[in-house]
PDB file of N, CA and C in Angstrom:
ATOM      1  N   MET A   1      33.869 -60.663 -23.366  1.00  0.00           N
ATOM      2  CA  MET A   1      33.457 -59.646 -22.176  1.00  0.00           C
ATOM      3  C   MET A   1      34.123 -58.292 -22.787  1.00  0.00           C
ATOM      4  N   GLY A   2      33.654 -57.143 -22.551  1.00  0.00           N
ATOM      5  CA  GLY A   2      34.048 -55.961 -23.024  1.00  0.00           C
ATOM      6  C   GLY A   2      33.457 -54.903 -23.902  1.00  0.00           C
ATOM      7  N   VAL A   3      34.139 -54.313 -24.318  1.00  0.00           N
ATOM      8  CA  VAL A   3      33.263 -52.849 -25.210  1.00  0.00           C
ATOM      9  C   VAL A   3      32.203 -53.377 -26.139  1.00  0.00           C
ATOM     10  N   ASP A   4      32.207 -54.614 -26.475  1.00  0.00           N
ATOM     11  CA  ASP A   4      31.362 -55.246 -27.606  1.00  0.00           C
ATOM     12  C   ASP A   4      30.014 -55.802 -27.232  1.00  0.00           C
ATOM     13  N   GLU A   5      30.002 -55.987 -25.686  1.00  0.00           N
ATOM     14  CA  GLU A   5      29.116 -56.912 -25.328  1.00  0.00           C
ATOM     15  C   GLU A   5      27.920 -56.316 -25.264  1.00  0.00           C
ATOM     16  N   LYS A   6      26.735 -57.038 -25.175  1.00  0.00           N
ATOM     17  CA  LYS A   6      25.574 -56.670 -25.167  1.00  0.00           C
ATOM     18  C   LYS A   6      24.327 -57.602 -24.606  1.00  0.00           C
ATOM     19  N   GLY A   7      23.261 -56.631 -23.998  1.00  0.00           N
ATOM     20  CA  GLY A   7      22.517 -57.421 -23.188  1.00  0.00           C
ATOM     21  C   GLY A   7      21.343 -57.576 -24.049  1.00  0.00           C
ATOM     22  N   ILE A   8      20.762 -59.004 -24.613  1.00  0.00           N
ATOM     23  CA  ILE A   8      19.947 -58.903 -25.589  1.00  0.00           C
ATOM     24  C   ILE A   8      18.932 -60.169 -25.197  1.00  0.00           C
ATOM     25  N   ASP A   9      17.672 -59.499 -25.302  1.00  0.00           N
ATOM     26  CA  ASP A   9      16.527 -60.695 -24.981  1.00  0.00           C
ATOM     27  C   ASP A   9      16.432 -61.682 -25.841  1.00  0.00           C
ATOM     28  N   PRO A  10      16.455 -62.954 -25.157  1.00  0.00           N
ATOM     29  CA  PRO A  10      16.306 -64.009 -26.080  1.00  0.00           C
ATOM     30  C   PRO A  10      15.150 -64.590 -26.897  1.00  0.00           C
ATOM     31  N   SER A  11      14.282 -64.085 -25.900  1.00  0.00           N
ATOM     32  CA  SER A  11      13.057 -64.120 -26.857  1.00  0.00           C
ATOM     33  C   SER A  11      12.439 -63.482 -28.146  1.00  0.00           C
ATOM     34  N   THR A  12      13.225 -62.196 -28.107  1.00  0.00           N
ATOM     35  CA  THR A  12      12.847 -61.251 -29.041  1.00  0.00           C
ATOM     36  C   THR A  12      14.339 -61.116 -30.221  1.00  0.00           C
ATOM     37  N   GLY A  13      15.364 -61.154 -29.535  1.00  0.00           N
ATOM     38  CA  GLY A  13      16.279 -60.729 -30.239  1.00  0.00           C
ATOM     39  C   GLY A  13      16.814 -59.173 -30.269  1.00  0.00           C
ATOM     40  N   LYS A  14      16.106 -58.449 -29.363  1.00  0.00           N
ATOM     41  CA  LYS A  14      16.236 -57.122 -29.560  1.00  0.00           C
ATOM     42  C   LYS A  14      17.445 -56.707 -28.521  1.00  0.00           C
ATOM     43  N   VAL A  15      18.378 -56.078 -28.939  1.00  0.00           N
ATOM     44  CA  VAL A  15      19.245 -55.308 -27.861  1.00  0.00           C
ATOM     45  C   VAL A  15      18.707 -54.718 -26.780  1.00  0.00           C
ATOM     46  N   LEU A  16      18.890 -54.706 -25.456  1.00  0.00           N
ATOM     47  CA  LEU A  16      18.287 -54.149 -24.603  1.00  0.00           C
ATOM     48  C   LEU A  16      19.222 -53.321 -23.776  1.00  0.00           C
ATOM     49  N   ILE A  17      20.584 -53.470 -23.793  1.00  0.00           N
ATOM     50  CA  ILE A  17      21.702 -52.582 -23.520  1.00  0.00           C
ATOM     51  C   ILE A  17      22.929 -53.109 -23.978  1.00  0.00           C
ATOM     52  N   GLU A  18      23.703 -52.015 -24.103  1.00  0.00           N
ATOM     53  CA  GLU A  18      25.090 -52.276 -24.837  1.00  0.00           C
ATOM     54  C   GLU A  18      26.054 -51.182 -24.003  1.00  0.00           C
ATOM     55  N   ILE A  19      27.196 -51.505 -23.966  1.00  0.00           N
ATOM     56  CA  ILE A  19      28.284 -50.704 -23.608  1.00  0.00           C
ATOM     57  C   ILE A  19      28.593 -49.421 -24.408  1.00  0.00           C
ATOM     58  N   SER A  20      28.828 -48.319 -23.774  1.00  0.00           N
ATOM     59  CA  SER A  20      29.242 -47.285 -24.560  1.00  0.00           C
ATOM     60  C   SER A  20      30.760 -47.076 -24.487  1.00  0.00           C
ATOM     61  N   PRO A  21      31.705 -47.093 -25.655  1.00  0.00           N
ATOM     62  CA  PRO A  21      33.197 -47.050 -25.548  1.00  0.00           C
ATOM     63  C   PRO A  21      33.437 -45.762 -24.728  1.00  0.00           C
ATOM     64  N   ARG A  22      32.539 -44.694 -24.852  1.00  0.00           N
ATOM     65  CA  ARG A  22      32.933 -43.338 -23.832  1.00  0.00           C
ATOM     66  C   ARG A  22      32.938 -43.878 -22.574  1.00  0.00           C
ATOM     67  N   TYR A  23      32.283 -44.609 -21.670  1.00  0.00           N
ATOM     68  CA  TYR A  23      32.254 -44.903 -20.545  1.00  0.00           C
ATOM     69  C   TYR A  23      32.908 -46.239 -19.983  1.00  0.00           C
ATOM     70  N   PHE A  24      33.559 -47.160 -21.056  1.00  0.00           N
ATOM     71  CA  PHE A  24      34.030 -48.523 -20.643  1.00  0.00           C
ATOM     72  C   PHE A  24      35.201 -48.237 -19.834  1.00  0.00           C
ATOM     73  N   ARG A  25      35.300 -48.896 -18.478  1.00  0.00           N
ATOM     74  CA  ARG A  25      36.679 -49.051 -18.046  1.00  0.00           C
ATOM     75  C   ARG A  25      36.924 -50.365 -17.759  1.00  0.00           C
ATOM     76  N   PRO A  26      37.793 -50.930 -18.023  1.00  0.00           N
ATOM     77  CA  PRO A  26      38.090 -52.664 -17.685  1.00  0.00           C
ATOM     78  C   PRO A  26      38.496 -52.606 -16.308  1.00  0.00           C
ATOM     79  N   ALA A  27      37.374 -54.022 -16.099  1.00  0.00           N
ATOM     80  CA  ALA A  27      37.326 -54.600 -15.049  1.00  0.00           C
ATOM     81  C   ALA A  27      38.696 -54.566 -13.972  1.00  0.00           C
ATOM     82  N   GLU A  28      39.540 -54.920 -14.508  1.00  0.00           N
ATOM     83  CA  GLU A  28      40.958 -55.063 -13.806  1.00  0.00           C
ATOM     84  C   GLU A  28      41.738 -53.792 -14.150  1.00  0.00           C
ATOM     85  N   VAL A  29      42.008 -53.056 -12.959  1.00  0.00           N
ATOM     86  CA  VAL A  29      42.920 -52.240 -13.156  1.00  0.00           C
ATOM     87  C   VAL A  29      43.982 -52.299 -12.135  1.00  0.00           C
ATOM     88  N   ASP A  30      45.258 -52.132 -12.579  1.00  0.00           N
ATOM     89  CA  ASP A  30      46.452 -52.086 -11.630  1.00  0.00           C
ATOM     90  C   ASP A  30      46.286 -51.686 -10.464  1.00  0.00           C
ATOM     91  N   ILE A  31      46.040 -50.640 -10.149  1.00  0.00           N
ATOM     92  CA  ILE A  31      46.119 -49.768  -8.849  1.00  0.00           C
ATOM     93  C   ILE A  31      44.949 -49.161  -8.558  1.00  0.00           C
ATOM     94  N   LEU A  32      44.190 -49.411  -7.547  1.00  0.00           N
ATOM     95  CA  LEU A  32      42.947 -48.455  -6.996  1.00  0.00           C
ATOM     96  C   LEU A  32      43.344 -48.010  -5.901  1.00  0.00           C
ATOM     97  N   ARG A  33      43.376 -46.510  -5.782  1.00  0.00           N
ATOM     98  CA  ARG A  33      43.811 -45.981  -4.641  1.00  0.00           C
ATOM     99  C   ARG A  33      42.530 -44.340  -4.392  1.00  0.00           C
ATOM    100  N   GLY A  34      42.407 -44.338  -3.177  1.00  0.00           N
ATOM    101  CA  GLY A  34      41.441 -43.507  -2.758  1.00  0.00           C
ATOM    102  C   GLY A  34      42.025 -42.372  -1.883  1.00  0.00           C
ATOM    103  N   ASP A  35      41.477 -40.762  -2.081  1.00  0.00           N
ATOM    104  CA  ASP A  35      42.312 -40.363  -0.804  1.00  0.00           C
ATOM    105  C   ASP A  35      41.144 -39.223  -0.637  1.00  0.00           C
ATOM    106  N   ALA A  36      40.489 -39.696   0.793  1.00  0.00           N
ATOM    107  CA  ALA A  36      39.171 -38.795   1.453  1.00  0.00           C
ATOM    108  C   ALA A  36      39.542 -37.350   1.689  1.00  0.00           C
ATOM    109  N   SER A  37      41.040 -36.783   1.933  1.00  0.00           N
ATOM    110  CA  SER A  37      41.182 -35.814   2.445  1.00  0.00           C
ATOM    111  C   SER A  37      40.422 -34.521   1.734  1.00  0.00           C
ATOM    112  N   ARG A  38      39.889 -34.635   0.523  1.00  0.00           N
ATOM    113  CA  ARG A  38      39.104 -33.571  -0.252  1.00  0.00           C
ATOM    114  C   ARG A  38      37.659 -33.476   0.335  1.00  0.00           C
ATOM    115  N   ALA A  39      37.219 -34.734   0.615  1.00  0.00           N
ATOM    116  CA  ALA A  39      35.752 -34.813   0.938  1.00  0.00           C
ATOM    117  C   ALA A  39      36.217 -34.140   2.646  1.00  0.00           C
ATOM    118  N   ALA A  40      37.267 -34.577   3.655  1.00  0.00           N
ATOM    119  CA  ALA A  40      37.321 -33.942   4.753  1.00  0.00           C
ATOM    120  C   ALA A  40      37.375 -32.527   4.823  1.00  0.00           C
ATOM    121  N   LYS A  41      37.990 -32.008   3.714  1.00  0.00           N
ATOM    122  CA  LYS A  41      38.513 -30.579   3.708  1.00  0.00           C
ATOM    123  C   LYS A  41      37.005 -29.910   3.110  1.00  0.00           C
ATOM    124  N   GLY A  42      36.621 -30.400   2.484  1.00  0.00           N
ATOM    125  CA  GLY A  42      35.413 -29.740   1.608  1.00  0.00           C
ATOM    126  C   GLY A  42      34.033 -29.722   2.614  1.00  0.00           C
ATOM    127  N   ILE A  43      33.600 -30.916   2.997  1.00  0.00           N
ATOM    128  CA  ILE A  43      32.304 -31.116   3.646  1.00  0.00           C
ATOM    129  C   ILE A  43      32.397 -31.657   5.191  1.00  0.00           C
ATOM    130  N   GLY A  44      33.543 -31.909   5.336  1.00  0.00           N
ATOM    131  CA  GLY A  44      33.850 -32.420   6.658  1.00  0.00           C
ATOM    132  C   GLY A  44      33.427 -33.803   7.042  1.00  0.00           C
ATOM    133  N   TRP A  45      33.601 -34.844   6.002  1.00  0.00           N
ATOM    134  CA  TRP A  45      33.160 -35.976   6.013  1.00  0.00           C
ATOM    135  C   TRP A  45      34.363 -36.634   6.588  1.00  0.00           C
ATOM    136  N   THR A  46      34.394 -37.369   7.335  1.00  0.00           N
ATOM    137  CA  THR A  46      35.327 -38.951   7.791  1.00  0.00           C
ATOM    138  C   THR A  46      34.853 -39.996   7.654  1.00  0.00           C
ATOM    139  N   ALA A  47      35.483 -40.873   7.364  1.00  0.00           N
ATOM    140  CA  ALA A  47      35.012 -42.630   7.412  1.00  0.00           C
ATOM    141  C   ALA A  47      35.047 -42.802   8.967  1.00  0.00           C
ATOM    142  N   LYS A  48      33.957 -43.815   8.987  1.00  0.00           N
ATOM    143  CA  LYS A  48      33.335 -44.281  10.123  1.00  0.00           C
ATOM    144  C   LYS A  48      33.788 -45.588  10.330  1.00  0.00           C
ATOM    145  N   THR A  49      33.932 -46.412   9.149  1.00  0.00           N
ATOM    146  CA  THR A  49      34.515 -47.812   9.169  1.00  0.00           C
ATOM    147  C   THR A  49      35.681 -47.965   8.505  1.00  0.00           C
ATOM    148  N   LYS A  50      36.747 -48.535   9.729  1.00  0.00           N
ATOM    149  CA  LYS A  50      37.962 -48.876   9.444  1.00  0.00           C
ATOM    150  C   LYS A  50      38.368 -49.750   7.970  1.00  0.00           C
ATOM    151  N   ALA A  51      39.320 -49.795   7.305  1.00  0.00           N
ATOM    152  CA  ALA A  51      39.667 -50.735   6.219  1.00  0.00           C
ATOM    153  C   ALA A  51      39.517 -51.887   6.500  1.00  0.00           C
ATOM    154  N   ARG A  52      40.027 -52.631   7.496  1.00  0.00           N
ATOM    155  CA  ARG A  52      39.846 -53.992   7.921  1.00  0.00           C
ATOM    156  C   ARG A  52      38.431 -54.323   8.167  1.00  0.00           C
ATOM    157  N   GLU A  53      37.461 -53.528   8.857  1.00  0.00           N
ATOM    158  CA  GLU A  53      36.260 -53.740   9.334  1.00  0.00           C
ATOM    159  C   GLU A  53      35.370 -53.555   7.909  1.00  0.00           C
ATOM    160  N   LEU A  54      35.603 -53.006   7.099  1.00  0.00           N
ATOM    161  CA  LEU A  54      35.080 -52.899   5.978  1.00  0.00           C
ATOM    162  C   LEU A  54      35.315 -54.009   5.100  1.00  0.00           C
ATOM    163  N   CYS A  55      36.519 -54.772   5.151  1.00  0.00           N
ATOM    164  CA  CYS A  55      36.860 -56.140   4.403  1.00  0.00           C
ATOM    165  C   CYS A  55      36.204 -56.981   4.916  1.00  0.00           C
ATOM    166  N   GLU A  56      35.977 -57.163   6.451  1.00  0.00           N
ATOM    167  CA  GLU A  56      35.314 -58.055   7.194  1.00  0.00           C
ATOM    168  C   GLU A  56      33.746 -58.057   6.629  1.00  0.00           C
ATOM    169  N   LEU A  57      33.136 -56.975   6.647  1.00  0.00           N
ATOM    170  CA  LEU A  57      31.698 -56.873   6.313  1.00  0.00           C
ATOM    171  C   LEU A  57      31.578 -57.206   4.692  1.00  0.00           C
ATOM    172  N   MET A  58      32.443 -56.932   3.850  1.00  0.00           N
ATOM    173  CA  MET A  58      32.490 -57.661   2.457  1.00  0.00           C
ATOM    174  C   MET A  58      32.529 -58.736   2.422  1.00  0.00           C
ATOM    175  N   VAL A  59      33.407 -59.646   3.204  1.00  0.00           N
ATOM    176  CA  VAL A  59      33.508 -60.803   3.123  1.00  0.00           C
ATOM    177  C   VAL A  59      32.449 -61.794   3.525  1.00  0.00           C
ATOM    178  N   ALA A  60      31.901 -61.395   4.567  1.00  0.00           N
ATOM    179  CA  ALA A  60      30.497 -61.450   5.385  1.00  0.00           C
ATOM    180  C   ALA A  60      29.631 -61.838   4.323  1.00  0.00           C
ATOM    181  N   TYR A  61      29.169 -60.508   3.740  1.00  0.00           N
ATOM    182  CA  TYR A  61      28.085 -60.498   2.831  1.00  0.00           C
ATOM    183  C   TYR A  61      28.401 -61.513   1.511  1.00  0.00           C
ATOM    184  N   ASP A  62      29.689 -61.524   1.122  1.00  0.00           N
ATOM    185  CA  ASP A  62      29.942 -62.770  -0.119  1.00  0.00           C
ATOM    186  C   ASP A  62      29.574 -64.059   0.472  1.00  0.00           C
ATOM    187  N   LEU A  63      29.973 -64.479   1.604  1.00  0.00           N
ATOM    188  CA  LEU A  63      29.799 -65.788   2.258  1.00  0.00           C
ATOM    189  C   LEU A  63      28.209 -65.986   2.424  1.00  0.00           C
ATOM    190  N   GLN A  64      27.145 -64.781   2.810  1.00  0.00           N
ATOM    191  CA  GLN A  64      26.002 -64.964   2.772  1.00  0.00           C
ATOM    192  C   GLN A  64      25.080 -65.034   1.707  1.00  0.00           C
ATOM    193  N   TYR A  65      25.443 -63.767   0.711  1.00  0.00           N
ATOM    194  CA  TYR A  65      24.655 -63.891  -0.254  1.00  0.00           C
ATOM    195  C   TYR A  65      25.696 -64.236  -2.046  1.00  0.00           C
ATOM    196  N   ASP A  66      24.839 -64.560  -2.490  1.00  0.00           N
ATOM    197  CA  ASP A  66      25.502 -64.954  -4.217  1.00  0.00           C
ATOM    198  C   ASP A  66      24.628 -64.466  -5.118  1.00  0.00           C
ATOM    199  N   ASP A  67      24.856 -64.443  -6.544  1.00  0.00           N
ATOM    200  CA  ASP A  67      24.195 -63.751  -7.659  1.00  0.00           C
ATOM    201  C   ASP A  67      23.454 -62.262  -7.239  1.00  0.00           C
ATOM    202  N   TYR A  68      24.801 -61.545  -6.646  1.00  0.00           N
ATOM    203  CA  TYR A  68      24.129 -59.778  -6.406  1.00  0.00           C
ATOM    204  C   TYR A  68      23.028 -59.843  -5.698  1.00  0.00           C
ATOM    205  N   GLY A  69      23.273 -60.230  -4.328  1.00  0.00           N
ATOM    206  CA  GLY A  69      22.222 -59.998  -3.375  1.00  0.00           C
ATOM    207  C   GLY A  69      21.265 -61.111  -3.045  1.00  0.00           C
ATOM    208  N   ALA A  70      21.250 -62.360  -4.016  1.00  0.00           N
ATOM    209  CA  ALA A  70      20.449 -63.348  -3.627  1.00  0.00           C
ATOM    210  C   ALA A  70      20.830 -63.889  -2.495  1.00  0.00           C
ATOM    211  N   ASP A  71      19.736 -64.098  -1.558  1.00  0.00           N
ATOM    212  CA  ASP A  71      20.099 -64.728  -0.332  1.00  0.00           C
ATOM    213  C   ASP A  71      20.153 -66.208  -0.493  1.00  0.00           C
ATOM    214  N   THR A  72      21.270 -66.900  -0.125  1.00  0.00           N
ATOM    215  CA  THR A  72      21.620 -68.568  -0.355  1.00  0.00           C
ATOM    216  C   THR A  72      21.471 -69.336   0.837  1.00  0.00           C
ATOM    217  N   ARG A  73      20.868 -68.508   2.032  1.00  0.00           N
ATOM    218  CA  ARG A  73      20.900 -69.423   3.220  1.00  0.00           C
ATOM    219  C   ARG A  73      19.522 -70.223   3.034  1.00  0.00           C
TER     220      ARG A  73
END
């Protein structure tokens, strides 16, 4: 996987999608942090979901669904 990865139609061998090096970002990043203060100042947005609650929602979703949204029940 990486910048050379391509999605190829197995029946035709045609390249359907490929990664542009311009927009490629490795999946593993050392530190990801967000700061919503700019949104709060600019448009008055504030988060309604606390970080712990968001984590619980994400885990619950992952336990219920697999394969990017396919219901596994």
